[in-house]
Amino acid sequence: MLHIFCDICIKAIDIGMRSNTHFNKTGWKFLITSFKEQTGHAFTKTQLKNKWDGCKNEWRIWNKLVSEIGVGWNSELGTISASDEGAKKFRHVSIEPSLKNKFDRMYSNIVATGVCMSSFIKTRDPYEVRGRKKKMYGIGVQLLSRCNQLLESMSNKSDSISVHMDREGCSICEVMAELHSIPGVSIEDEFHDFATEYLSLRRKREMWASMGDKQQKLRWLQRMYAYTKRA
């Protein structure tokens, strides 16, 4: 569902429904309606805003890590080495390349001042902001260049979510259907949000499938969730 959320956000941005760091009234209504139509789940504006802010925070931490000298990527394990206290969770829960591309489209043009760049340019005299615009453009090019280098190095070995490569019982649809069939699992809580992101990686779904019965699988996933919360 995270990919669906990102796709809807990107569509709303392309239409012009975000005038600053968040969507306008029409944009939020579009997100709520589209998300319900595509997933069958009715989320509130507050829930969707929390997801937007959470994804943006993870994207910022990730970009900080990949720009640091000496940060390494392990394609086989899907982990990175980093000393930053706020990024410990990424040692075990990474941003997959296809999701990283979507995050870039969602957040790259939100500048450090907290203003959407397109809105900033439209509401200011072009001569007044010419110098600042050039500086922002330079920073944006450097950021995208670093991201592209990382994605290129990962492209041949990254974890694929293609259904053609999934083992039997390990596709996203199969794993999530099994999770939803377990009594007590609710799509409204933070644990479910963690599960949708964690199980988007194929190797995590394969580990899920190897854990035995449904209750053993659930206890394993709950331990992984607790571990990331402590990190």
C-alpha atoms as a PDB file:
ATOM      1  CA  MET A   1       0.000   0.000   0.000  1.00  0.00           C
ATOM      2  CA  LEU A   2       2.968   2.337   0.469  1.00  0.00           C
ATOM      3  CA  HIS A   3       3.671   2.269  -3.264  1.00  0.00           C
ATOM      4  CA  ILE A   4       0.023   3.072  -3.979  1.00  0.00           C
ATOM      5  CA  PHE A   5       0.196   5.985  -1.523  1.00  0.00           C
ATOM      6  CA  CYS A   6       3.320   7.325  -3.251  1.00  0.00           C
ATOM      7  CA  ASP A   7       1.782   6.981  -6.721  1.00  0.00           C
ATOM      8  CA  ILE A   8      -1.274   8.957  -5.649  1.00  0.00           C
ATOM      9  CA  CYS A   9       0.895  11.666  -4.056  1.00  0.00           C
ATOM     10  CA  ILE A  10       2.991  11.981  -7.217  1.00  0.00           C
ATOM     11  CA  LYS A  11      -0.143  12.293  -9.343  1.00  0.00           C
ATOM     12  CA  ALA A  12      -1.496  15.021  -7.054  1.00  0.00           C
ATOM     13  CA  ILE A  13       1.833  16.892  -7.241  1.00  0.00           C
ATOM     14  CA  ASP A  14       1.908  16.646 -11.046  1.00  0.00           C
ATOM     15  CA  ILE A  15      -1.634  18.050 -11.192  1.00  0.00           C
ATOM     16  CA  GLY A  16      -0.528  20.991  -9.019  1.00  0.00           C
ATOM     17  CA  MET A  17      -2.271  20.235  -5.741  1.00  0.00           C
ATOM     18  CA  ARG A  18       0.727  21.009  -3.517  1.00  0.00           C
ATOM     19  CA  SER A  19       1.475  24.693  -3.070  1.00  0.00           C
ATOM     20  CA  ASN A  20       4.005  24.337  -0.232  1.00  0.00           C
ATOM     21  CA  THR A  21       5.381  21.491   1.896  1.00  0.00           C
ATOM     22  CA  HIS A  22       1.954  19.822   2.072  1.00  0.00           C
ATOM     23  CA  PHE A  23      -1.069  19.454  -0.160  1.00  0.00           C
ATOM     24  CA  ASN A  24      -3.813  22.042  -0.348  1.00  0.00           C
ATOM     25  CA  LYS A  25      -7.420  21.288   0.604  1.00  0.00           C
ATOM     26  CA  THR A  26      -8.223  19.902  -2.831  1.00  0.00           C
ATOM     27  CA  GLY A  27      -5.096  17.779  -2.750  1.00  0.00           C
ATOM     28  CA  TRP A  28      -5.925  16.112   0.570  1.00  0.00           C
ATOM     29  CA  LYS A  29      -9.445  15.376  -0.653  1.00  0.00           C
ATOM     30  CA  PHE A  30      -7.967  13.844  -3.799  1.00  0.00           C
ATOM     31  CA  LEU A  31      -5.592  11.651  -1.721  1.00  0.00           C
ATOM     32  CA  ILE A  32      -8.336  10.440   0.605  1.00  0.00           C
ATOM     33  CA  THR A  33     -10.707   9.609  -2.261  1.00  0.00           C
ATOM     34  CA  SER A  34      -8.085   7.991  -4.523  1.00  0.00           C
ATOM     35  CA  PHE A  35      -6.571   5.909  -1.719  1.00  0.00           C
ATOM     36  CA  LYS A  36      -9.973   4.545  -0.741  1.00  0.00           C
ATOM     37  CA  GLU A  37     -10.843   3.755  -4.362  1.00  0.00           C
ATOM     38  CA  GLN A  38      -7.578   1.882  -4.982  1.00  0.00           C
ATOM     39  CA  THR A  39      -7.186   0.057  -1.658  1.00  0.00           C
ATOM     40  CA  GLY A  40     -10.635  -0.060  -0.133  1.00  0.00           C
ATOM     41  CA  HIS A  41      -9.291   1.558   3.059  1.00  0.00           C
ATOM     42  CA  ALA A  42     -10.674   4.881   4.280  1.00  0.00           C
ATOM     43  CA  PHE A  43      -7.884   6.893   5.906  1.00  0.00           C
ATOM     44  CA  THR A  44      -8.281  10.356   7.392  1.00  0.00           C
ATOM     45  CA  LYS A  45      -6.315  13.443   6.403  1.00  0.00           C
ATOM     46  CA  THR A  46      -4.345  13.171   9.676  1.00  0.00           C
ATOM     47  CA  GLN A  47      -3.362   9.568   8.979  1.00  0.00           C
ATOM     48  CA  LEU A  48      -2.240  10.356   5.435  1.00  0.00           C
ATOM     49  CA  LYS A  49      -0.364  13.474   6.604  1.00  0.00           C
ATOM     50  CA  ASN A  50       1.480  11.402   9.238  1.00  0.00           C
ATOM     51  CA  LYS A  51       2.474   8.919   6.519  1.00  0.00           C
ATOM     52  CA  TRP A  52       3.660  11.781   4.272  1.00  0.00           C
ATOM     53  CA  ASP A  53       5.775  13.288   7.077  1.00  0.00           C
ATOM     54  CA  GLY A  54       7.158   9.898   8.111  1.00  0.00           C
ATOM     55  CA  CYS A  55       8.257   9.043   4.580  1.00  0.00           C
ATOM     56  CA  LYS A  56       9.850  12.477   4.184  1.00  0.00           C
ATOM     57  CA  ASN A  57      11.842  11.994   7.388  1.00  0.00           C
ATOM     58  CA  GLU A  58      13.130   8.600   6.232  1.00  0.00           C
ATOM     59  CA  TRP A  59      14.025  10.069   2.819  1.00  0.00           C
ATOM     60  CA  ARG A  60      16.011  12.891   4.464  1.00  0.00           C
ATOM     61  CA  ILE A  61      17.912  10.486   6.724  1.00  0.00           C
ATOM     62  CA  TRP A  62      18.680   8.206   3.790  1.00  0.00           C
ATOM     63  CA  ASN A  63      20.005  11.079   1.655  1.00  0.00           C
ATOM     64  CA  LYS A  64      22.179  12.232   4.545  1.00  0.00           C
ATOM     65  CA  LEU A  65      23.648   8.765   4.885  1.00  0.00           C
ATOM     66  CA  VAL A  66      24.449   8.258   1.212  1.00  0.00           C
ATOM     67  CA  SER A  67      26.203  11.639   1.133  1.00  0.00           C
ATOM     68  CA  GLU A  68      28.472  10.794   4.070  1.00  0.00           C
ATOM     69  CA  ILE A  69      32.004   9.664   3.379  1.00  0.00           C
ATOM     70  CA  GLY A  70      32.593   5.982   4.105  1.00  0.00           C
ATOM     71  CA  VAL A  71      28.966   4.875   4.058  1.00  0.00           C
ATOM     72  CA  GLY A  72      28.761   1.414   2.516  1.00  0.00           C
ATOM     73  CA  TRP A  73      25.934  -0.532   0.889  1.00  0.00           C
ATOM     74  CA  ASN A  74      25.533  -4.322   1.106  1.00  0.00           C
ATOM     75  CA  SER A  75      23.326  -5.322  -1.834  1.00  0.00           C
ATOM     76  CA  GLU A  76      23.017  -8.935  -0.708  1.00  0.00           C
ATOM     77  CA  LEU A  77      21.828  -8.085   2.805  1.00  0.00           C
ATOM     78  CA  GLY A  78      20.106  -4.833   1.900  1.00  0.00           C
ATOM     79  CA  THR A  79      21.838  -2.944   4.716  1.00  0.00           C
ATOM     80  CA  ILE A  80      24.131   0.078   5.090  1.00  0.00           C
ATOM     81  CA  SER A  81      26.766   0.990   7.659  1.00  0.00           C
ATOM     82  CA  ALA A  82      26.177   4.275   9.434  1.00  0.00           C
ATOM     83  CA  SER A  83      26.983   5.863  12.771  1.00  0.00           C
ATOM     84  CA  ASP A  84      24.174   8.420  12.825  1.00  0.00           C
ATOM     85  CA  GLU A  85      21.933   7.711  15.821  1.00  0.00           C
ATOM     86  CA  GLY A  86      18.791   8.690  13.963  1.00  0.00           C
ATOM     87  CA  ALA A  87      19.485   6.232  11.144  1.00  0.00           C
ATOM     88  CA  LYS A  88      19.979   2.972  13.038  1.00  0.00           C
ATOM     89  CA  LYS A  89      16.746   1.519  11.665  1.00  0.00           C
ATOM     90  CA  PHE A  90      18.185   1.566   8.136  1.00  0.00           C
ATOM     91  CA  ARG A  91      20.698  -1.094   9.146  1.00  0.00           C
ATOM     92  CA  HIS A  92      17.821  -3.538   8.872  1.00  0.00           C
ATOM     93  CA  VAL A  93      15.025  -1.687   7.038  1.00  0.00           C
ATOM     94  CA  SER A  94      16.248  -0.018   3.848  1.00  0.00           C
ATOM     95  CA  ILE A  95      14.553   2.052   1.172  1.00  0.00           C
ATOM     96  CA  GLU A  96      14.295  -0.092  -1.930  1.00  0.00           C
ATOM     97  CA  PRO A  97      15.359   1.571  -5.224  1.00  0.00           C
ATOM     98  CA  SER A  98      11.868   1.818  -6.777  1.00  0.00           C
ATOM     99  CA  LEU A  99      10.528   3.433  -3.595  1.00  0.00           C
ATOM    100  CA  LYS A 100      13.534   5.768  -3.412  1.00  0.00           C
ATOM    101  CA  ASN A 101      12.710   7.012  -6.921  1.00  0.00           C
ATOM    102  CA  LYS A 102       9.167   7.830  -5.818  1.00  0.00           C
ATOM    103  CA  PHE A 103      10.374   9.607  -2.665  1.00  0.00           C
ATOM    104  CA  ASP A 104      12.671  11.727  -4.849  1.00  0.00           C
ATOM    105  CA  ARG A 105       9.712  12.823  -6.969  1.00  0.00           C
ATOM    106  CA  MET A 106       7.644  13.560  -3.874  1.00  0.00           C
ATOM    107  CA  TYR A 107      10.190  15.560  -1.858  1.00  0.00           C
ATOM    108  CA  SER A 108      13.123  16.715  -4.032  1.00  0.00           C
ATOM    109  CA  ASN A 109      11.638  20.122  -4.869  1.00  0.00           C
ATOM    110  CA  ILE A 110      10.853  20.985  -1.236  1.00  0.00           C
ATOM    111  CA  VAL A 111      13.768  23.232  -0.324  1.00  0.00           C
ATOM    112  CA  ALA A 112      15.403  23.722   3.066  1.00  0.00           C
ATOM    113  CA  THR A 113      13.224  26.726   3.854  1.00  0.00           C
ATOM    114  CA  GLY A 114      10.164  24.452   3.866  1.00  0.00           C
ATOM    115  CA  VAL A 115       8.680  26.014   0.718  1.00  0.00           C
ATOM    116  CA  CYS A 116       7.931  24.156  -2.493  1.00  0.00           C
ATOM    117  CA  MET A 117      10.378  25.495  -5.092  1.00  0.00           C
ATOM    118  CA  SER A 118       7.755  25.899  -7.822  1.00  0.00           C
ATOM    119  CA  SER A 119       5.530  27.928  -5.470  1.00  0.00           C
ATOM    120  CA  PHE A 120       8.513  30.009  -4.323  1.00  0.00           C
ATOM    121  CA  ILE A 121       9.419  31.014  -7.853  1.00  0.00           C
ATOM    122  CA  LYS A 122       5.843  31.853  -8.817  1.00  0.00           C
ATOM    123  CA  THR A 123       5.306  34.203  -5.879  1.00  0.00           C
ATOM    124  CA  ARG A 124       8.605  36.117  -6.058  1.00  0.00           C
ATOM    125  CA  ASP A 125      10.051  38.557  -8.521  1.00  0.00           C
ATOM    126  CA  PRO A 126      12.467  36.571 -10.760  1.00  0.00           C
ATOM    127  CA  TYR A 127      15.208  39.186 -10.463  1.00  0.00           C
ATOM    128  CA  GLU A 128      14.967  39.116  -6.692  1.00  0.00           C
ATOM    129  CA  VAL A 129      15.510  35.355  -6.398  1.00  0.00           C
ATOM    130  CA  ARG A 130      17.896  34.760  -9.306  1.00  0.00           C
ATOM    131  CA  GLY A 131      20.956  34.231  -7.109  1.00  0.00           C
ATOM    132  CA  ARG A 132      19.084  32.032  -4.639  1.00  0.00           C
ATOM    133  CA  LYS A 133      17.537  29.999  -7.452  1.00  0.00           C
ATOM    134  CA  LYS A 134      20.973  29.222  -8.906  1.00  0.00           C
ATOM    135  CA  LYS A 135      22.193  28.061  -5.499  1.00  0.00           C
ATOM    136  CA  MET A 136      19.146  25.823  -5.013  1.00  0.00           C
ATOM    137  CA  TYR A 137      19.580  24.368  -8.485  1.00  0.00           C
ATOM    138  CA  GLY A 138      23.210  23.490  -7.746  1.00  0.00           C
ATOM    139  CA  ILE A 139      22.280  21.726  -4.510  1.00  0.00           C
ATOM    140  CA  GLY A 140      19.503  19.819  -6.271  1.00  0.00           C
ATOM    141  CA  VAL A 141      21.835  18.625  -9.032  1.00  0.00           C
ATOM    142  CA  GLN A 142      24.372  17.369  -6.480  1.00  0.00           C
ATOM    143  CA  LEU A 143      21.680  15.511  -4.523  1.00  0.00           C
ATOM    144  CA  LEU A 144      20.218  13.842  -7.609  1.00  0.00           C
ATOM    145  CA  SER A 145      23.695  12.932  -8.828  1.00  0.00           C
ATOM    146  CA  ARG A 146      24.528  11.158  -5.548  1.00  0.00           C
ATOM    147  CA  CYS A 147      21.187   9.323  -5.592  1.00  0.00           C
ATOM    148  CA  ASN A 148      21.660   8.241  -9.198  1.00  0.00           C
ATOM    149  CA  GLN A 149      25.134   6.914  -8.439  1.00  0.00           C
ATOM    150  CA  LEU A 150      23.806   4.881  -5.531  1.00  0.00           C
ATOM    151  CA  LEU A 151      20.888   3.485  -7.517  1.00  0.00           C
ATOM    152  CA  GLU A 152      23.120   2.617 -10.444  1.00  0.00           C
ATOM    153  CA  SER A 153      25.505   0.655  -8.198  1.00  0.00           C
ATOM    154  CA  MET A 154      22.543  -1.216  -6.715  1.00  0.00           C
ATOM    155  CA  SER A 155      20.608  -1.811  -9.916  1.00  0.00           C
ATOM    156  CA  ASN A 156      22.009  -5.242 -10.788  1.00  0.00           C
ATOM    157  CA  LYS A 157      21.922  -6.674  -7.270  1.00  0.00           C
ATOM    158  CA  SER A 158      19.041  -4.890  -5.596  1.00  0.00           C
ATOM    159  CA  ASP A 159      16.127  -6.750  -4.083  1.00  0.00           C
ATOM    160  CA  SER A 160      13.409  -7.127  -6.702  1.00  0.00           C
ATOM    161  CA  ILE A 161       9.710  -7.170  -5.952  1.00  0.00           C
ATOM    162  CA  SER A 162       8.751  -8.536  -9.367  1.00  0.00           C
ATOM    163  CA  VAL A 163       6.084 -11.230  -9.179  1.00  0.00           C
ATOM    164  CA  HIS A 164       8.037 -13.173 -11.807  1.00  0.00           C
ATOM    165  CA  MET A 165      10.876 -13.642  -9.299  1.00  0.00           C
ATOM    166  CA  ASP A 166       8.794 -14.412  -6.227  1.00  0.00           C
ATOM    167  CA  ARG A 167       8.727 -17.954  -4.913  1.00  0.00           C
ATOM    168  CA  GLU A 168       5.382 -19.613  -4.389  1.00  0.00           C
ATOM    169  CA  GLY A 169       3.693 -18.103  -1.354  1.00  0.00           C
ATOM    170  CA  CYS A 170       6.132 -15.175  -1.255  1.00  0.00           C
ATOM    171  CA  SER A 171       4.451 -12.553  -3.409  1.00  0.00           C
ATOM    172  CA  ILE A 172       3.232  -9.339  -1.800  1.00  0.00           C
ATOM    173  CA  CYS A 173      -0.402 -10.295  -2.385  1.00  0.00           C
ATOM    174  CA  GLU A 174       0.025 -13.740  -0.845  1.00  0.00           C
ATOM    175  CA  VAL A 175       2.008 -12.582   2.167  1.00  0.00           C
ATOM    176  CA  MET A 176      -0.263  -9.631   2.955  1.00  0.00           C
ATOM    177  CA  ALA A 177      -3.378 -11.772   2.535  1.00  0.00           C
ATOM    178  CA  GLU A 178      -1.930 -14.228   5.038  1.00  0.00           C
ATOM    179  CA  LEU A 179      -1.069 -11.418   7.453  1.00  0.00           C
ATOM    180  CA  HIS A 180      -4.570  -9.941   7.193  1.00  0.00           C
ATOM    181  CA  SER A 181      -6.101 -13.342   7.929  1.00  0.00           C
ATOM    182  CA  ILE A 182      -4.471 -13.464  11.378  1.00  0.00           C
ATOM    183  CA  PRO A 183      -6.875 -12.430  14.174  1.00  0.00           C
ATOM    184  CA  GLY A 184      -5.876  -9.173  15.866  1.00  0.00           C
ATOM    185  CA  VAL A 185      -3.982  -7.693  12.914  1.00  0.00           C
ATOM    186  CA  SER A 186      -5.399  -4.252  12.075  1.00  0.00           C
ATOM    187  CA  ILE A 187      -4.581  -2.053   9.099  1.00  0.00           C
ATOM    188  CA  GLU A 188      -5.164   1.020  11.259  1.00  0.00           C
ATOM    189  CA  ASP A 189      -2.118   0.660  13.545  1.00  0.00           C
ATOM    190  CA  GLU A 190       1.562   1.497  13.248  1.00  0.00           C
ATOM    191  CA  PHE A 191       2.559  -2.191  13.267  1.00  0.00           C
ATOM    192  CA  HIS A 192       0.662  -2.720  10.018  1.00  0.00           C
ATOM    193  CA  ASP A 193       2.413   0.278   8.440  1.00  0.00           C
ATOM    194  CA  PHE A 194       5.743  -1.261   9.440  1.00  0.00           C
ATOM    195  CA  ALA A 195       4.708  -4.627   7.982  1.00  0.00           C
ATOM    196  CA  THR A 196       3.764  -3.158   4.587  1.00  0.00           C
ATOM    197  CA  GLU A 197       7.189  -1.555   4.254  1.00  0.00           C
ATOM    198  CA  TYR A 198       9.218  -4.391   5.784  1.00  0.00           C
ATOM    199  CA  LEU A 199       7.557  -7.084   3.674  1.00  0.00           C
ATOM    200  CA  SER A 200       7.928  -5.071   0.462  1.00  0.00           C
ATOM    201  CA  LEU A 201      11.408  -6.622   0.242  1.00  0.00           C
ATOM    202  CA  ARG A 202      11.359 -10.082  -1.362  1.00  0.00           C
ATOM    203  CA  ARG A 203      13.946 -11.612   0.980  1.00  0.00           C
ATOM    204  CA  LYS A 204      11.831 -10.521   3.978  1.00  0.00           C
ATOM    205  CA  ARG A 205       8.774 -12.201   2.476  1.00  0.00           C
ATOM    206  CA  GLU A 206      10.793 -15.367   1.907  1.00  0.00           C
ATOM    207  CA  MET A 207      11.862 -15.281   5.548  1.00  0.00           C
ATOM    208  CA  TRP A 208       8.207 -14.838   6.535  1.00  0.00           C
ATOM    209  CA  ALA A 209       7.263 -17.918   4.492  1.00  0.00           C
ATOM    210  CA  SER A 210       9.934 -19.999   6.242  1.00  0.00           C
ATOM    211  CA  MET A 211       8.785 -19.206   9.784  1.00  0.00           C
ATOM    212  CA  GLY A 212       6.200 -21.969  10.150  1.00  0.00           C
ATOM    213  CA  ASP A 213       2.536 -21.419  10.969  1.00  0.00           C
ATOM    214  CA  LYS A 214       0.781 -18.044  11.016  1.00  0.00           C
ATOM    215  CA  GLN A 215       1.300 -17.399  14.725  1.00  0.00           C
ATOM    216  CA  GLN A 216       5.033 -18.108  14.462  1.00  0.00           C
ATOM    217  CA  LYS A 217       5.224 -15.756  11.490  1.00  0.00           C
ATOM    218  CA  LEU A 218       3.368 -13.043  13.390  1.00  0.00           C
ATOM    219  CA  ARG A 219       5.637 -13.377  16.452  1.00  0.00           C
ATOM    220  CA  TRP A 220       8.717 -13.105  14.224  1.00  0.00           C
ATOM    221  CA  LEU A 221       7.372  -9.965  12.529  1.00  0.00           C
ATOM    222  CA  GLN A 222       6.487  -8.458  15.911  1.00  0.00           C
ATOM    223  CA  ARG A 223      10.072  -9.057  17.091  1.00  0.00           C
ATOM    224  CA  MET A 224      11.436  -7.290  14.005  1.00  0.00           C
ATOM    225  CA  TYR A 225       9.068  -4.386  14.695  1.00  0.00           C
ATOM    226  CA  ALA A 226      10.153  -4.190  18.335  1.00  0.00           C
ATOM    227  CA  TYR A 227      13.797  -4.241  17.279  1.00  0.00           C
ATOM    228  CA  THR A 228      13.373  -1.259  14.947  1.00  0.00           C
ATOM    229  CA  LYS A 229      11.471   0.651  17.647  1.00  0.00           C
ATOM    230  CA  ARG A 230      14.376   0.193  20.083  1.00  0.00           C
ATOM    231  CA  ALA A 231      16.984   1.196  17.503  1.00  0.00           C
END
